[in-house]
């Protein structure tokens, strides 16, 4: 997995993975520490991960192993922790929840972008899927960079508002 993809996924799924860890350990500070360890481990192991792997599933397995190690460290004390079956169930629930939430968001984005005029869809595709620099697009369209930045901002805002509205509808989230 490329470093850029790893960082993007860590940022995108940070709350989900930290929430999963918190549900497993019951302590926000410990969950945050374990997430940091997870990020370091994922960085070390990123070459072993496929670019298109299910990131939350990969994180889930790492989280379970980190929590197991954490529990072993606590074994000398009198702290109660979740047993392995409960640990797996909690992690599985978070993974499924994260996947369905992103699926619903992706579907809402697809529906909202389908409503846009073709020229706006093409502009978004060129800028974000093909990573064409703003300066190059502005030159191709014979507009200033500022005008193009404003257009892109308005399109992103319209898509954001449309997606949020769709997700509030029953059956979408």
C-alpha atoms as a PDB file:
ATOM      1  CA  UNK A   1       0.000   0.000   0.000  1.00  0.00           C
ATOM      2  CA  UNK A   2       1.352   3.420  -0.892  1.00  0.00           C
ATOM      3  CA  UNK A   3       2.106   5.769   1.985  1.00  0.00           C
ATOM      4  CA  UNK A   4      -0.355   8.324   0.566  1.00  0.00           C
ATOM      5  CA  UNK A   5      -3.163   5.742   0.595  1.00  0.00           C
ATOM      6  CA  UNK A   6      -2.295   4.652   4.128  1.00  0.00           C
ATOM      7  CA  UNK A   7      -2.380   8.222   5.461  1.00  0.00           C
ATOM      8  CA  UNK A   8      -5.658   8.947   3.649  1.00  0.00           C
ATOM      9  CA  UNK A   9      -7.252   5.805   5.113  1.00  0.00           C
ATOM     10  CA  UNK A  10      -5.915   6.471   8.613  1.00  0.00           C
ATOM     11  CA  UNK A  11      -7.461   9.930   8.530  1.00  0.00           C
ATOM     12  CA  UNK A  12     -10.707   8.711   6.977  1.00  0.00           C
ATOM     13  CA  UNK A  13     -11.218   5.846   9.437  1.00  0.00           C
ATOM     14  CA  UNK A  14      -9.558   7.350  12.547  1.00  0.00           C
ATOM     15  CA  UNK A  15     -12.833   7.783  14.463  1.00  0.00           C
ATOM     16  CA  UNK A  16     -14.063   4.326  13.516  1.00  0.00           C
ATOM     17  CA  UNK A  17     -10.837   2.622  14.574  1.00  0.00           C
ATOM     18  CA  UNK A  18     -10.518   4.655  17.780  1.00  0.00           C
ATOM     19  CA  UNK A  19     -14.176   3.924  18.564  1.00  0.00           C
ATOM     20  CA  UNK A  20     -13.561   0.237  18.012  1.00  0.00           C
ATOM     21  CA  UNK A  21     -10.564   0.344  20.347  1.00  0.00           C
ATOM     22  CA  UNK A  22     -12.520   2.305  22.953  1.00  0.00           C
ATOM     23  CA  UNK A  23     -15.338  -0.245  22.846  1.00  0.00           C
ATOM     24  CA  UNK A  24     -12.773  -2.974  23.445  1.00  0.00           C
ATOM     25  CA  UNK A  25     -10.802  -1.348  26.282  1.00  0.00           C
ATOM     26  CA  UNK A  26     -13.310   1.082  27.852  1.00  0.00           C
ATOM     27  CA  UNK A  27     -10.734   3.833  28.346  1.00  0.00           C
ATOM     28  CA  UNK A  28     -10.411   6.760  25.920  1.00  0.00           C
ATOM     29  CA  UNK A  29      -6.757   7.455  26.767  1.00  0.00           C
ATOM     30  CA  UNK A  30      -5.795   3.809  26.299  1.00  0.00           C
ATOM     31  CA  UNK A  31      -7.769   3.670  23.030  1.00  0.00           C
ATOM     32  CA  UNK A  32      -5.930   6.745  21.761  1.00  0.00           C
ATOM     33  CA  UNK A  33      -2.554   5.227  22.724  1.00  0.00           C
ATOM     34  CA  UNK A  34      -3.467   1.958  21.019  1.00  0.00           C
ATOM     35  CA  UNK A  35      -4.554   3.845  17.893  1.00  0.00           C
ATOM     36  CA  UNK A  36      -1.132   5.505  17.786  1.00  0.00           C
ATOM     37  CA  UNK A  37       0.504   2.083  18.071  1.00  0.00           C
ATOM     38  CA  UNK A  38      -1.820   0.842  15.340  1.00  0.00           C
ATOM     39  CA  UNK A  39      -0.805   3.683  13.020  1.00  0.00           C
ATOM     40  CA  UNK A  40       2.880   2.922  13.592  1.00  0.00           C
ATOM     41  CA  UNK A  41       2.318  -0.799  12.964  1.00  0.00           C
ATOM     42  CA  UNK A  42       0.323  -0.114   9.817  1.00  0.00           C
ATOM     43  CA  UNK A  43       3.074   2.167   8.564  1.00  0.00           C
ATOM     44  CA  UNK A  44       5.641  -0.581   9.129  1.00  0.00           C
ATOM     45  CA  UNK A  45       3.437  -3.221   7.490  1.00  0.00           C
ATOM     46  CA  UNK A  46       2.009  -1.120   4.659  1.00  0.00           C
ATOM     47  CA  UNK A  47       4.141  -2.918   2.050  1.00  0.00           C
ATOM     48  CA  UNK A  48       2.341  -6.171   2.970  1.00  0.00           C
ATOM     49  CA  UNK A  49      -1.116  -4.635   2.439  1.00  0.00           C
ATOM     50  CA  UNK A  50      -2.779  -4.489  -0.949  1.00  0.00           C
ATOM     51  CA  UNK A  51      -3.625  -1.018  -2.246  1.00  0.00           C
ATOM     52  CA  UNK A  52      -7.323  -1.970  -2.443  1.00  0.00           C
ATOM     53  CA  UNK A  53      -7.574  -3.958   0.788  1.00  0.00           C
ATOM     54  CA  UNK A  54     -10.506  -3.468   3.146  1.00  0.00           C
ATOM     55  CA  UNK A  55      -8.773  -0.995   5.425  1.00  0.00           C
ATOM     56  CA  UNK A  56     -11.143  -1.296   8.383  1.00  0.00           C
ATOM     57  CA  UNK A  57     -10.861  -5.104   8.288  1.00  0.00           C
ATOM     58  CA  UNK A  58      -7.061  -4.839   8.286  1.00  0.00           C
ATOM     59  CA  UNK A  59      -7.233  -2.313  11.146  1.00  0.00           C
ATOM     60  CA  UNK A  60      -9.672  -4.559  13.011  1.00  0.00           C
ATOM     61  CA  UNK A  61      -7.221  -7.441  13.072  1.00  0.00           C
ATOM     62  CA  UNK A  62      -4.382  -5.197  14.199  1.00  0.00           C
ATOM     63  CA  UNK A  63      -6.647  -3.672  16.880  1.00  0.00           C
ATOM     64  CA  UNK A  64      -7.593  -7.090  18.226  1.00  0.00           C
ATOM     65  CA  UNK A  65      -3.942  -8.099  18.473  1.00  0.00           C
ATOM     66  CA  UNK A  66      -2.994  -4.824  20.163  1.00  0.00           C
ATOM     67  CA  UNK A  67      -5.816  -5.199  22.688  1.00  0.00           C
ATOM     68  CA  UNK A  68      -4.780  -8.789  23.391  1.00  0.00           C
ATOM     69  CA  UNK A  69      -1.234  -7.587  24.086  1.00  0.00           C
ATOM     70  CA  UNK A  70      -2.595  -4.786  26.271  1.00  0.00           C
ATOM     71  CA  UNK A  71      -4.668  -7.309  28.220  1.00  0.00           C
ATOM     72  CA  UNK A  72      -1.612  -9.485  28.818  1.00  0.00           C
ATOM     73  CA  UNK A  73       0.179  -6.476  30.296  1.00  0.00           C
ATOM     74  CA  UNK A  74      -2.792  -5.915  32.607  1.00  0.00           C
ATOM     75  CA  UNK A  75      -2.997  -9.577  33.617  1.00  0.00           C
ATOM     76  CA  UNK A  76      -0.866  -8.903  36.690  1.00  0.00           C
ATOM     77  CA  UNK A  77      -3.451  -6.393  37.928  1.00  0.00           C
ATOM     78  CA  UNK A  78      -7.106  -6.781  38.825  1.00  0.00           C
ATOM     79  CA  UNK A  79      -8.462  -4.973  35.769  1.00  0.00           C
ATOM     80  CA  UNK A  80     -11.285  -6.806  33.980  1.00  0.00           C
ATOM     81  CA  UNK A  81     -11.119  -6.953  30.199  1.00  0.00           C
ATOM     82  CA  UNK A  82     -13.304  -8.429  27.470  1.00  0.00           C
ATOM     83  CA  UNK A  83     -12.732 -12.057  26.551  1.00  0.00           C
ATOM     84  CA  UNK A  84     -11.693 -12.996  22.991  1.00  0.00           C
ATOM     85  CA  UNK A  85     -15.234 -13.782  21.757  1.00  0.00           C
ATOM     86  CA  UNK A  86     -16.598 -10.447  22.927  1.00  0.00           C
ATOM     87  CA  UNK A  87     -13.522  -8.685  21.530  1.00  0.00           C
ATOM     88  CA  UNK A  88     -14.169 -10.245  18.095  1.00  0.00           C
ATOM     89  CA  UNK A  89     -17.878  -9.375  18.247  1.00  0.00           C
ATOM     90  CA  UNK A  90     -17.225  -5.723  19.142  1.00  0.00           C
ATOM     91  CA  UNK A  91     -14.623  -5.369  16.398  1.00  0.00           C
ATOM     92  CA  UNK A  92     -16.933  -7.056  13.876  1.00  0.00           C
ATOM     93  CA  UNK A  93     -19.800  -4.731  14.730  1.00  0.00           C
ATOM     94  CA  UNK A  94     -17.620  -1.650  14.207  1.00  0.00           C
ATOM     95  CA  UNK A  95     -16.260  -2.996  10.942  1.00  0.00           C
ATOM     96  CA  UNK A  96     -19.742  -3.707   9.568  1.00  0.00           C
ATOM     97  CA  UNK A  97     -21.014  -0.331  10.722  1.00  0.00           C
ATOM     98  CA  UNK A  98     -18.119   1.536   9.116  1.00  0.00           C
ATOM     99  CA  UNK A  99     -18.504  -0.354   5.839  1.00  0.00           C
ATOM    100  CA  UNK A 100     -22.257   0.288   5.579  1.00  0.00           C
ATOM    101  CA  UNK A 101     -21.864   3.970   6.498  1.00  0.00           C
ATOM    102  CA  UNK A 102     -19.266   4.490   3.760  1.00  0.00           C
ATOM    103  CA  UNK A 103     -21.358   2.484   1.272  1.00  0.00           C
ATOM    104  CA  UNK A 104     -24.374   4.719   1.984  1.00  0.00           C
ATOM    105  CA  UNK A 105     -22.223   7.865   1.651  1.00  0.00           C
ATOM    106  CA  UNK A 106     -20.727   6.638  -1.644  1.00  0.00           C
ATOM    107  CA  UNK A 107     -24.186   5.854  -3.029  1.00  0.00           C
ATOM    108  CA  UNK A 108     -25.493   9.276  -1.957  1.00  0.00           C
ATOM    109  CA  UNK A 109     -22.495  10.943  -3.612  1.00  0.00           C
ATOM    110  CA  UNK A 110     -23.104   8.980  -6.827  1.00  0.00           C
ATOM    111  CA  UNK A 111     -26.779   9.988  -6.889  1.00  0.00           C
ATOM    112  CA  UNK A 112     -25.948  13.625  -6.159  1.00  0.00           C
ATOM    113  CA  UNK A 113     -23.205  13.813  -8.762  1.00  0.00           C
ATOM    114  CA  UNK A 114     -25.560  12.269 -11.347  1.00  0.00           C
ATOM    115  CA  UNK A 115     -27.792  15.324 -10.866  1.00  0.00           C
ATOM    116  CA  UNK A 116     -24.997  17.722 -11.836  1.00  0.00           C
ATOM    117  CA  UNK A 117     -24.711  19.043 -15.389  1.00  0.00           C
ATOM    118  CA  UNK A 118     -22.282  17.032 -17.531  1.00  0.00           C
ATOM    119  CA  UNK A 119     -19.763  19.905 -17.696  1.00  0.00           C
ATOM    120  CA  UNK A 120     -19.599  20.061 -13.891  1.00  0.00           C
ATOM    121  CA  UNK A 121     -19.179  16.284 -13.599  1.00  0.00           C
ATOM    122  CA  UNK A 122     -16.386  16.427 -16.172  1.00  0.00           C
ATOM    123  CA  UNK A 123     -14.671  19.255 -14.269  1.00  0.00           C
ATOM    124  CA  UNK A 124     -14.834  17.313 -10.991  1.00  0.00           C
ATOM    125  CA  UNK A 125     -13.618  14.131 -12.684  1.00  0.00           C
ATOM    126  CA  UNK A 126     -10.651  15.907 -14.286  1.00  0.00           C
ATOM    127  CA  UNK A 127      -9.678  17.650 -11.054  1.00  0.00           C
ATOM    128  CA  UNK A 128     -10.201  14.872  -8.499  1.00  0.00           C
ATOM    129  CA  UNK A 129     -10.078  11.545 -10.341  1.00  0.00           C
ATOM    130  CA  UNK A 130      -7.410  12.483 -12.874  1.00  0.00           C
ATOM    131  CA  UNK A 131      -5.621  14.905 -10.473  1.00  0.00           C
ATOM    132  CA  UNK A 132      -5.243  17.599 -13.121  1.00  0.00           C
ATOM    133  CA  UNK A 133      -3.706  20.690 -11.461  1.00  0.00           C
ATOM    134  CA  UNK A 134      -5.991  23.693 -10.989  1.00  0.00           C
ATOM    135  CA  UNK A 135      -3.643  25.910 -13.011  1.00  0.00           C
ATOM    136  CA  UNK A 136      -3.821  23.528 -15.979  1.00  0.00           C
ATOM    137  CA  UNK A 137      -7.625  23.280 -15.816  1.00  0.00           C
ATOM    138  CA  UNK A 138      -7.941  27.059 -15.562  1.00  0.00           C
ATOM    139  CA  UNK A 139      -5.775  27.471 -18.677  1.00  0.00           C
ATOM    140  CA  UNK A 140      -7.782  24.828 -20.576  1.00  0.00           C
ATOM    141  CA  UNK A 141     -11.065  26.527 -19.634  1.00  0.00           C
ATOM    142  CA  UNK A 142      -9.704  30.066 -20.212  1.00  0.00           C
ATOM    143  CA  UNK A 143     -10.662  31.210 -16.708  1.00  0.00           C
ATOM    144  CA  UNK A 144      -8.622  32.569 -13.829  1.00  0.00           C
ATOM    145  CA  UNK A 145      -7.436  30.267 -11.090  1.00  0.00           C
ATOM    146  CA  UNK A 146      -9.583  32.210  -8.616  1.00  0.00           C
ATOM    147  CA  UNK A 147     -12.702  31.721 -10.723  1.00  0.00           C
ATOM    148  CA  UNK A 148     -11.992  27.991 -11.034  1.00  0.00           C
ATOM    149  CA  UNK A 149     -11.296  27.677  -7.293  1.00  0.00           C
ATOM    150  CA  UNK A 150     -14.665  29.335  -6.634  1.00  0.00           C
ATOM    151  CA  UNK A 151     -16.447  27.011  -9.053  1.00  0.00           C
ATOM    152  CA  UNK A 152     -14.848  23.932  -7.513  1.00  0.00           C
ATOM    153  CA  UNK A 153     -15.711  25.147  -4.015  1.00  0.00           C
ATOM    154  CA  UNK A 154     -19.357  25.676  -5.002  1.00  0.00           C
ATOM    155  CA  UNK A 155     -19.551  22.237  -6.611  1.00  0.00           C
ATOM    156  CA  UNK A 156     -18.016  20.550  -3.548  1.00  0.00           C
ATOM    157  CA  UNK A 157     -20.387  22.468  -1.265  1.00  0.00           C
ATOM    158  CA  UNK A 158     -23.423  21.527  -3.386  1.00  0.00           C
ATOM    159  CA  UNK A 159     -22.376  17.859  -3.350  1.00  0.00           C
ATOM    160  CA  UNK A 160     -21.738  17.954   0.395  1.00  0.00           C
ATOM    161  CA  UNK A 161     -25.160  19.489   1.095  1.00  0.00           C
ATOM    162  CA  UNK A 162     -26.895  17.033  -1.238  1.00  0.00           C
ATOM    163  CA  UNK A 163     -25.116  14.021   0.328  1.00  0.00           C
ATOM    164  CA  UNK A 164     -25.944  15.141   3.869  1.00  0.00           C
ATOM    165  CA  UNK A 165     -29.598  15.673   2.897  1.00  0.00           C
ATOM    166  CA  UNK A 166     -29.779  12.220   1.276  1.00  0.00           C
ATOM    167  CA  UNK A 167     -28.189  10.559   4.314  1.00  0.00           C
ATOM    168  CA  UNK A 168     -30.881  12.081   6.526  1.00  0.00           C
ATOM    169  CA  UNK A 169     -33.569  10.362   4.461  1.00  0.00           C
ATOM    170  CA  UNK A 170     -34.881   7.064   5.882  1.00  0.00           C
ATOM    171  CA  UNK A 171     -33.103   4.038   4.495  1.00  0.00           C
ATOM    172  CA  UNK A 172     -29.995   5.875   3.275  1.00  0.00           C
ATOM    173  CA  UNK A 173     -27.768   5.859   6.370  1.00  0.00           C
END
